[in-house]
Amino acid sequence: MKLLIGIIASALGLEARGFQTGIKENGERSCSCIGDPDWCADFCSGSGGNGGDNGSCSCVGDPQWCEDFCNGNGGGNGGGISDPEVIMKSTLSDCGWYNWSMVKCATEMHDRIQRNTGNQYSCIVTDDYSGYAAWKTYNVEDSWNKLAAVCAPKSNTAVSQYYFEQQCDECAYMCTYASDKPSCVRDCISDRGQRFCSNSSGRYNLVVTNWNPDVAYYAYGAHLYGARGLVYCTGYCVM
C-alpha cells in the first residue's frame, strides 16, 4: 500500500520519501505527510513541522477532523487545546468516525474537555442533527457525521426532575401541532422561565429532540424525559 502511494506521489512530482499513509492497519486515522522524512517525523509526532516548505499536510478522514489535524488542533484528542468548542468539535468527529454510541460520545467529550481545560463540564450529544433545538452555552455541530453537542461548566445543583418533567409535558402539549416541535418546546420553556434549576445563576442548558433520534448526556444532576410521545427534553443546570 505504501509502495503504491509512493508511486502515485512520484508520478505527481511530489517527494515521496517522507510519505506516511493516512490510515493505520487497524483502521484508525493517523498522520499523513509528504516531504522531508525528518520534517514528517516531527510533524506526525506533534513536535513541530508547522509552516515552511519542507512538507505539507495530507489527511484521510472526514473534513472537520482533517481541518483540525492540519491546523494543529489535535486531530481529535484535544492536543492541549483549551477552547471547549474546538475539543467538542474534534470529539464529535471521532464519535462519527468510530461509530461510538451517544453515551460513549458524551463521556469522551466530558473527559477530553476536563483533561485539556482542567475544568469539569456537563455535555449532551444527539444524532438529531437537523431537528434538535437547544438553549445552550457551548454548541457545536458536525455536518459530516450529522451530530450535535451542547456543553457548559458543571454546576453542583441538580435538576428538579418534577418541575423539569412538568414543564416539558406542558410545553409538549402546547406544541402538539407545531411543525417544529423541538424549537416550539424550547421556546415555550425559555419564554415561561425555567423552574427546574434552583442554582443562584438560574442558568441551564436544554436540548429538545424529536422522538426517534438518539440523545445522551454526561452531566451532574441532569435529567432526560420523553414527553407525550412527541419530544425528548434533556437538561442540566450550569454554573
C-alpha atoms as a PDB file:
ATOM      1  CA  MET A   1       0.000   0.000   0.000  1.00  0.00           C
ATOM      2  CA  LYS A   2       2.805   2.428   0.924  1.00  0.00           C
ATOM      3  CA  LEU A   3       4.679   1.495  -2.254  1.00  0.00           C
ATOM      4  CA  LEU A   4       1.594   2.216  -4.368  1.00  0.00           C
ATOM      5  CA  ILE A   5       1.098   5.576  -2.672  1.00  0.00           C
ATOM      6  CA  GLY A   6       4.771   6.377  -3.179  1.00  0.00           C
ATOM      7  CA  ILE A   7       4.489   5.634  -6.894  1.00  0.00           C
ATOM      8  CA  ILE A   8       1.422   7.869  -7.191  1.00  0.00           C
ATOM      9  CA  ALA A   9       3.172  10.651  -5.297  1.00  0.00           C
ATOM     10  CA  SER A  10       6.231  10.381  -7.538  1.00  0.00           C
ATOM     11  CA  ALA A  11       4.054  10.497 -10.630  1.00  0.00           C
ATOM     12  CA  LEU A  12       2.548  13.728  -9.338  1.00  0.00           C
ATOM     13  CA  GLY A  13       6.014  15.202  -8.939  1.00  0.00           C
ATOM     14  CA  LEU A  14       5.909  15.026  -5.139  1.00  0.00           C
ATOM     15  CA  GLU A  15       8.729  13.980  -2.852  1.00  0.00           C
ATOM     16  CA  ALA A  16       7.574  10.608  -1.569  1.00  0.00           C
ATOM     17  CA  ARG A  17      10.427   9.721   0.780  1.00  0.00           C
ATOM     18  CA  GLY A  18       8.609  11.008   3.842  1.00  0.00           C
ATOM     19  CA  PHE A  19       5.122   9.846   2.989  1.00  0.00           C
ATOM     20  CA  GLN A  20       3.109   8.074   5.654  1.00  0.00           C
ATOM     21  CA  THR A  21      -0.262   6.528   4.989  1.00  0.00           C
ATOM     22  CA  GLY A  22      -3.351   8.232   6.324  1.00  0.00           C
ATOM     23  CA  ILE A  23      -4.927   5.035   7.637  1.00  0.00           C
ATOM     24  CA  LYS A  24      -3.277   2.593  10.027  1.00  0.00           C
ATOM     25  CA  GLU A  25      -3.685  -1.149   9.506  1.00  0.00           C
ATOM     26  CA  ASN A  26      -6.273  -1.311  12.291  1.00  0.00           C
ATOM     27  CA  GLY A  27      -8.373   1.333  10.521  1.00  0.00           C
ATOM     28  CA  GLU A  28      -7.622   4.222  12.848  1.00  0.00           C
ATOM     29  CA  ARG A  29      -6.801   7.619  11.444  1.00  0.00           C
ATOM     30  CA  SER A  30      -3.178   8.645  11.567  1.00  0.00           C
ATOM     31  CA  CYS A  31      -0.799  11.290  10.331  1.00  0.00           C
ATOM     32  CA  SER A  32      -0.134  11.595   6.616  1.00  0.00           C
ATOM     33  CA  CYS A  33       2.774  13.672   5.381  1.00  0.00           C
ATOM     34  CA  ILE A  34       4.595  14.384   2.124  1.00  0.00           C
ATOM     35  CA  GLY A  35       8.097  15.833   2.286  1.00  0.00           C
ATOM     36  CA  ASP A  36      11.421  15.519   4.057  1.00  0.00           C
ATOM     37  CA  PRO A  37      11.413  12.445   6.350  1.00  0.00           C
ATOM     38  CA  ASP A  38      12.755  14.365   9.367  1.00  0.00           C
ATOM     39  CA  TRP A  39      10.150  17.098   8.897  1.00  0.00           C
ATOM     40  CA  CYS A  40       7.403  14.494   8.590  1.00  0.00           C
ATOM     41  CA  ALA A  41       8.624  12.673  11.684  1.00  0.00           C
ATOM     42  CA  ASP A  42       8.439  15.895  13.691  1.00  0.00           C
ATOM     43  CA  PHE A  43       5.067  16.820  12.212  1.00  0.00           C
ATOM     44  CA  CYS A  44       3.466  13.442  12.821  1.00  0.00           C
ATOM     45  CA  SER A  45       4.807  13.190  16.363  1.00  0.00           C
ATOM     46  CA  GLY A  46       3.412  16.605  17.199  1.00  0.00           C
ATOM     47  CA  SER A  47       6.890  18.034  17.736  1.00  0.00           C
ATOM     48  CA  GLY A  48       6.599  20.767  15.150  1.00  0.00           C
ATOM     49  CA  GLY A  49       6.700  20.948  11.389  1.00  0.00           C
ATOM     50  CA  ASN A  50       4.184  23.755  11.131  1.00  0.00           C
ATOM     51  CA  GLY A  51       4.798  26.036   8.183  1.00  0.00           C
ATOM     52  CA  GLY A  52       7.856  26.070   5.948  1.00  0.00           C
ATOM     53  CA  ASP A  53       8.456  24.420   2.602  1.00  0.00           C
ATOM     54  CA  ASN A  54       9.702  21.051   3.825  1.00  0.00           C
ATOM     55  CA  GLY A  55       6.356  19.277   3.749  1.00  0.00           C
ATOM     56  CA  SER A  56       2.601  19.570   3.613  1.00  0.00           C
ATOM     57  CA  CYS A  57      -0.334  18.142   5.470  1.00  0.00           C
ATOM     58  CA  SER A  58      -2.344  15.366   3.830  1.00  0.00           C
ATOM     59  CA  CYS A  59      -5.239  13.753   5.594  1.00  0.00           C
ATOM     60  CA  VAL A  60      -7.649  10.837   5.237  1.00  0.00           C
ATOM     61  CA  GLY A  61     -10.921  11.166   7.144  1.00  0.00           C
ATOM     62  CA  ASP A  62     -13.902  13.432   7.469  1.00  0.00           C
ATOM     63  CA  PRO A  63     -13.346  17.125   6.626  1.00  0.00           C
ATOM     64  CA  GLN A  64     -13.687  18.513  10.159  1.00  0.00           C
ATOM     65  CA  TRP A  65     -11.157  16.086  11.628  1.00  0.00           C
ATOM     66  CA  CYS A  66      -8.739  16.803   8.792  1.00  0.00           C
ATOM     67  CA  GLU A  67      -9.156  20.553   9.188  1.00  0.00           C
ATOM     68  CA  ASP A  68      -8.424  20.306  12.910  1.00  0.00           C
ATOM     69  CA  PHE A  69      -5.479  17.989  12.333  1.00  0.00           C
ATOM     70  CA  CYS A  70      -3.846  20.061   9.612  1.00  0.00           C
ATOM     71  CA  ASN A  71      -4.334  23.246  11.623  1.00  0.00           C
ATOM     72  CA  GLY A  72      -2.594  21.668  14.595  1.00  0.00           C
ATOM     73  CA  ASN A  73      -5.728  21.491  16.708  1.00  0.00           C
ATOM     74  CA  GLY A  74      -5.194  17.992  17.961  1.00  0.00           C
ATOM     75  CA  GLY A  75      -6.905  15.824  15.360  1.00  0.00           C
ATOM     76  CA  GLY A  76      -9.466  14.506  17.806  1.00  0.00           C
ATOM     77  CA  ASN A  77      -7.755  14.170  21.190  1.00  0.00           C
ATOM     78  CA  GLY A  78      -7.659  17.800  22.227  1.00  0.00           C
ATOM     79  CA  GLY A  79      -3.882  18.049  21.938  1.00  0.00           C
ATOM     80  CA  GLY A  80      -3.566  20.717  24.632  1.00  0.00           C
ATOM     81  CA  ILE A  81      -6.284  22.894  23.115  1.00  0.00           C
ATOM     82  CA  SER A  82      -8.177  24.799  25.809  1.00  0.00           C
ATOM     83  CA  ASP A  83     -11.143  26.076  23.766  1.00  0.00           C
ATOM     84  CA  PRO A  84     -14.110  23.839  24.734  1.00  0.00           C
ATOM     85  CA  GLU A  85     -15.786  24.200  21.335  1.00  0.00           C
ATOM     86  CA  VAL A  86     -12.641  23.078  19.475  1.00  0.00           C
ATOM     87  CA  ILE A  87     -12.453  19.992  21.704  1.00  0.00           C
ATOM     88  CA  MET A  88     -16.177  19.343  21.292  1.00  0.00           C
ATOM     89  CA  LYS A  89     -15.961  19.565  17.510  1.00  0.00           C
ATOM     90  CA  SER A  90     -12.992  17.217  17.289  1.00  0.00           C
ATOM     91  CA  THR A  91     -14.704  14.757  19.623  1.00  0.00           C
ATOM     92  CA  LEU A  92     -17.892  14.752  17.538  1.00  0.00           C
ATOM     93  CA  SER A  93     -15.755  13.888  14.545  1.00  0.00           C
ATOM     94  CA  ASP A  94     -14.321  10.890  16.391  1.00  0.00           C
ATOM     95  CA  CYS A  95     -17.802   9.861  17.551  1.00  0.00           C
ATOM     96  CA  GLY A  96     -18.873   9.565  13.928  1.00  0.00           C
ATOM     97  CA  TRP A  97     -15.639   8.027  12.654  1.00  0.00           C
ATOM     98  CA  TYR A  98     -15.545   5.264  15.265  1.00  0.00           C
ATOM     99  CA  ASN A  99     -19.328   4.871  15.332  1.00  0.00           C
ATOM    100  CA  TRP A 100     -19.491   5.408  19.078  1.00  0.00           C
ATOM    101  CA  SER A 101     -22.795   5.276  20.909  1.00  0.00           C
ATOM    102  CA  MET A 102     -24.155   8.600  22.092  1.00  0.00           C
ATOM    103  CA  VAL A 103     -23.329   7.563  25.679  1.00  0.00           C
ATOM    104  CA  LYS A 104     -19.708   6.860  24.728  1.00  0.00           C
ATOM    105  CA  CYS A 105     -19.586  10.115  22.766  1.00  0.00           C
ATOM    106  CA  ALA A 106     -20.849  12.223  25.679  1.00  0.00           C
ATOM    107  CA  THR A 107     -18.468  10.531  28.114  1.00  0.00           C
ATOM    108  CA  GLU A 108     -15.461  11.024  25.852  1.00  0.00           C
ATOM    109  CA  MET A 109     -16.376  14.665  25.285  1.00  0.00           C
ATOM    110  CA  HIS A 110     -16.587  15.318  29.027  1.00  0.00           C
ATOM    111  CA  ASP A 111     -13.274  13.555  29.669  1.00  0.00           C
ATOM    112  CA  ARG A 112     -11.403  15.399  26.918  1.00  0.00           C
ATOM    113  CA  ILE A 113     -12.649  18.818  27.979  1.00  0.00           C
ATOM    114  CA  GLN A 114     -11.674  18.134  31.587  1.00  0.00           C
ATOM    115  CA  ARG A 115      -8.272  16.788  30.553  1.00  0.00           C
ATOM    116  CA  ASN A 116      -7.458  19.789  28.374  1.00  0.00           C
ATOM    117  CA  THR A 117      -9.037  22.646  30.335  1.00  0.00           C
ATOM    118  CA  GLY A 118      -8.730  21.366  33.892  1.00  0.00           C
ATOM    119  CA  ASN A 119     -12.423  22.131  34.440  1.00  0.00           C
ATOM    120  CA  GLN A 120     -15.463  19.872  34.670  1.00  0.00           C
ATOM    121  CA  TYR A 121     -18.189  20.302  32.081  1.00  0.00           C
ATOM    122  CA  SER A 122     -21.617  18.807  31.516  1.00  0.00           C
ATOM    123  CA  CYS A 123     -22.404  17.662  27.969  1.00  0.00           C
ATOM    124  CA  ILE A 124     -25.339  16.457  25.876  1.00  0.00           C
ATOM    125  CA  VAL A 125     -24.922  14.856  22.436  1.00  0.00           C
ATOM    126  CA  THR A 126     -27.516  13.838  19.859  1.00  0.00           C
ATOM    127  CA  ASP A 127     -27.804  12.478  16.347  1.00  0.00           C
ATOM    128  CA  ASP A 128     -30.941  14.583  15.755  1.00  0.00           C
ATOM    129  CA  TYR A 129     -28.710  16.929  13.755  1.00  0.00           C
ATOM    130  CA  SER A 130     -31.381  18.510  11.580  1.00  0.00           C
ATOM    131  CA  GLY A 131     -34.186  18.503  14.130  1.00  0.00           C
ATOM    132  CA  TYR A 132     -32.913  19.351  17.601  1.00  0.00           C
ATOM    133  CA  ALA A 133     -33.283  22.698  19.366  1.00  0.00           C
ATOM    134  CA  ALA A 134     -31.146  23.956  22.231  1.00  0.00           C
ATOM    135  CA  TRP A 135     -30.821  26.585  24.911  1.00  0.00           C
ATOM    136  CA  LYS A 136     -27.100  26.403  25.323  1.00  0.00           C
ATOM    137  CA  THR A 137     -23.756  27.717  26.495  1.00  0.00           C
ATOM    138  CA  TYR A 138     -21.394  25.981  24.053  1.00  0.00           C
ATOM    139  CA  ASN A 139     -22.885  24.370  20.958  1.00  0.00           C
ATOM    140  CA  VAL A 140     -21.144  22.627  18.044  1.00  0.00           C
ATOM    141  CA  GLU A 141     -22.386  20.624  15.076  1.00  0.00           C
ATOM    142  CA  ASP A 142     -20.709  18.115  12.775  1.00  0.00           C
ATOM    143  CA  SER A 143     -22.379  18.282   9.369  1.00  0.00           C
ATOM    144  CA  TRP A 144     -20.345  15.336   8.051  1.00  0.00           C
ATOM    145  CA  ASN A 145     -21.488  12.893  10.750  1.00  0.00           C
ATOM    146  CA  LYS A 146     -24.827  14.631  11.446  1.00  0.00           C
ATOM    147  CA  LEU A 147     -24.155  15.041  15.164  1.00  0.00           C
ATOM    148  CA  ALA A 148     -24.564  17.921  17.597  1.00  0.00           C
ATOM    149  CA  ALA A 149     -23.368  18.667  21.122  1.00  0.00           C
ATOM    150  CA  VAL A 150     -24.090  21.154  23.894  1.00  0.00           C
ATOM    151  CA  CYS A 151     -21.745  21.640  26.874  1.00  0.00           C
ATOM    152  CA  ALA A 152     -21.326  24.037  29.797  1.00  0.00           C
ATOM    153  CA  PRO A 153     -19.350  24.382  33.040  1.00  0.00           C
ATOM    154  CA  LYS A 154     -20.632  21.931  35.639  1.00  0.00           C
ATOM    155  CA  SER A 155     -22.999  23.127  38.347  1.00  0.00           C
ATOM    156  CA  ASN A 156     -23.370  21.393  41.718  1.00  0.00           C
ATOM    157  CA  THR A 157     -27.126  21.966  41.515  1.00  0.00           C
ATOM    158  CA  ALA A 158     -29.155  19.046  40.206  1.00  0.00           C
ATOM    159  CA  VAL A 159     -32.221  19.449  38.026  1.00  0.00           C
ATOM    160  CA  SER A 160     -35.549  19.151  39.825  1.00  0.00           C
ATOM    161  CA  GLN A 161     -36.989  16.194  37.956  1.00  0.00           C
ATOM    162  CA  TYR A 162     -40.548  17.058  38.982  1.00  0.00           C
ATOM    163  CA  TYR A 163     -40.504  20.580  37.574  1.00  0.00           C
ATOM    164  CA  PHE A 164     -38.430  19.546  34.563  1.00  0.00           C
ATOM    165  CA  GLU A 165     -40.942  16.888  33.537  1.00  0.00           C
ATOM    166  CA  GLN A 166     -43.856  19.192  34.295  1.00  0.00           C
ATOM    167  CA  GLN A 167     -42.522  21.958  32.057  1.00  0.00           C
ATOM    168  CA  CYS A 168     -41.569  19.573  29.272  1.00  0.00           C
ATOM    169  CA  ASP A 169     -45.026  17.979  29.401  1.00  0.00           C
ATOM    170  CA  GLU A 170     -46.878  21.290  29.439  1.00  0.00           C
ATOM    171  CA  CYS A 171     -44.899  22.685  26.537  1.00  0.00           C
ATOM    172  CA  ALA A 172     -45.068  19.462  24.523  1.00  0.00           C
ATOM    173  CA  TYR A 173     -48.858  19.595  24.860  1.00  0.00           C
ATOM    174  CA  MET A 174     -48.930  23.203  23.687  1.00  0.00           C
ATOM    175  CA  CYS A 175     -46.673  22.286  20.745  1.00  0.00           C
ATOM    176  CA  THR A 176     -48.576  19.167  19.666  1.00  0.00           C
ATOM    177  CA  TYR A 177     -49.420  20.581  16.244  1.00  0.00           C
ATOM    178  CA  ALA A 178     -46.291  22.677  15.716  1.00  0.00           C
ATOM    179  CA  SER A 179     -44.321  21.893  12.569  1.00  0.00           C
ATOM    180  CA  ASP A 180     -41.038  22.216  14.501  1.00  0.00           C
ATOM    181  CA  LYS A 181     -41.833  20.667  17.872  1.00  0.00           C
ATOM    182  CA  PRO A 182     -38.314  20.816  19.411  1.00  0.00           C
ATOM    183  CA  SER A 183     -37.981  24.551  18.732  1.00  0.00           C
ATOM    184  CA  CYS A 184     -41.520  25.161  19.947  1.00  0.00           C
ATOM    185  CA  VAL A 185     -40.884  23.328  23.239  1.00  0.00           C
ATOM    186  CA  ARG A 186     -37.538  25.067  23.784  1.00  0.00           C
ATOM    187  CA  ASP A 187     -39.078  28.497  23.213  1.00  0.00           C
ATOM    188  CA  CYS A 188     -42.049  27.654  25.423  1.00  0.00           C
ATOM    189  CA  ILE A 189     -39.795  26.716  28.341  1.00  0.00           C
ATOM    190  CA  SER A 190     -37.471  29.697  27.926  1.00  0.00           C
ATOM    191  CA  ASP A 191     -40.335  32.167  27.453  1.00  0.00           C
ATOM    192  CA  ARG A 192     -42.171  30.937  30.545  1.00  0.00           C
ATOM    193  CA  GLY A 193     -38.973  30.831  32.600  1.00  0.00           C
ATOM    194  CA  GLN A 194     -37.382  27.603  33.733  1.00  0.00           C
ATOM    195  CA  ARG A 195     -38.422  26.236  37.140  1.00  0.00           C
ATOM    196  CA  PHE A 196     -36.131  23.221  37.357  1.00  0.00           C
ATOM    197  CA  CYS A 197     -32.744  24.790  38.246  1.00  0.00           C
ATOM    198  CA  SER A 198     -32.541  26.445  41.667  1.00  0.00           C
ATOM    199  CA  ASN A 199     -28.890  27.491  41.345  1.00  0.00           C
ATOM    200  CA  SER A 200     -28.138  31.140  42.090  1.00  0.00           C
ATOM    201  CA  SER A 201     -27.304  31.924  38.455  1.00  0.00           C
ATOM    202  CA  GLY A 202     -30.515  30.341  37.180  1.00  0.00           C
ATOM    203  CA  ARG A 203     -28.542  29.202  34.145  1.00  0.00           C
ATOM    204  CA  TYR A 204     -29.252  25.943  32.388  1.00  0.00           C
ATOM    205  CA  ASN A 205     -28.681  24.056  29.162  1.00  0.00           C
ATOM    206  CA  LEU A 206     -31.581  22.338  27.427  1.00  0.00           C
ATOM    207  CA  VAL A 207     -31.673  20.104  24.361  1.00  0.00           C
ATOM    208  CA  VAL A 208     -35.036  19.163  22.857  1.00  0.00           C
ATOM    209  CA  THR A 209     -35.074  16.446  20.202  1.00  0.00           C
ATOM    210  CA  ASN A 210     -37.686  14.673  18.155  1.00  0.00           C
ATOM    211  CA  TRP A 211     -38.986  11.341  19.419  1.00  0.00           C
ATOM    212  CA  ASN A 212     -36.912   8.828  17.433  1.00  0.00           C
ATOM    213  CA  PRO A 213     -33.303  10.150  17.360  1.00  0.00           C
ATOM    214  CA  ASP A 214     -30.711   9.168  19.957  1.00  0.00           C
ATOM    215  CA  VAL A 215     -29.613  11.535  22.729  1.00  0.00           C
ATOM    216  CA  ALA A 216     -27.334  11.054  25.746  1.00  0.00           C
ATOM    217  CA  TYR A 217     -25.570  13.100  28.398  1.00  0.00           C
ATOM    218  CA  TYR A 218     -22.614  13.045  30.761  1.00  0.00           C
ATOM    219  CA  ALA A 219     -23.526  15.657  33.313  1.00  0.00           C
ATOM    220  CA  TYR A 220     -24.042  16.321  37.000  1.00  0.00           C
ATOM    221  CA  GLY A 221     -27.681  16.198  38.077  1.00  0.00           C
ATOM    222  CA  ALA A 222     -29.001  16.068  34.510  1.00  0.00           C
ATOM    223  CA  HIS A 223     -32.357  14.636  33.509  1.00  0.00           C
ATOM    224  CA  LEU A 224     -33.762  13.183  30.283  1.00  0.00           C
ATOM    225  CA  TYR A 225     -37.513  12.931  29.816  1.00  0.00           C
ATOM    226  CA  GLY A 226     -39.775  11.788  26.989  1.00  0.00           C
ATOM    227  CA  ALA A 227     -42.933  13.895  26.751  1.00  0.00           C
ATOM    228  CA  ARG A 228     -46.206  12.684  25.224  1.00  0.00           C
ATOM    229  CA  GLY A 229     -44.508  10.613  22.545  1.00  0.00           C
ATOM    230  CA  LEU A 230     -43.511  13.852  20.822  1.00  0.00           C
ATOM    231  CA  VAL A 231     -40.127  15.068  22.077  1.00  0.00           C
ATOM    232  CA  TYR A 232     -37.292  14.301  24.457  1.00  0.00           C
ATOM    233  CA  CYS A 233     -36.133  17.033  26.822  1.00  0.00           C
ATOM    234  CA  THR A 234     -32.611  16.744  28.233  1.00  0.00           C
ATOM    235  CA  GLY A 235     -31.209  19.358  30.566  1.00  0.00           C
ATOM    236  CA  TYR A 236     -28.809  20.271  33.350  1.00  0.00           C
ATOM    237  CA  CYS A 237     -28.002  23.301  35.477  1.00  0.00           C
ATOM    238  CA  VAL A 238     -24.995  25.479  34.627  1.00  0.00           C
ATOM    239  CA  MET A 239     -22.511  27.130  36.963  1.00  0.00           C
END
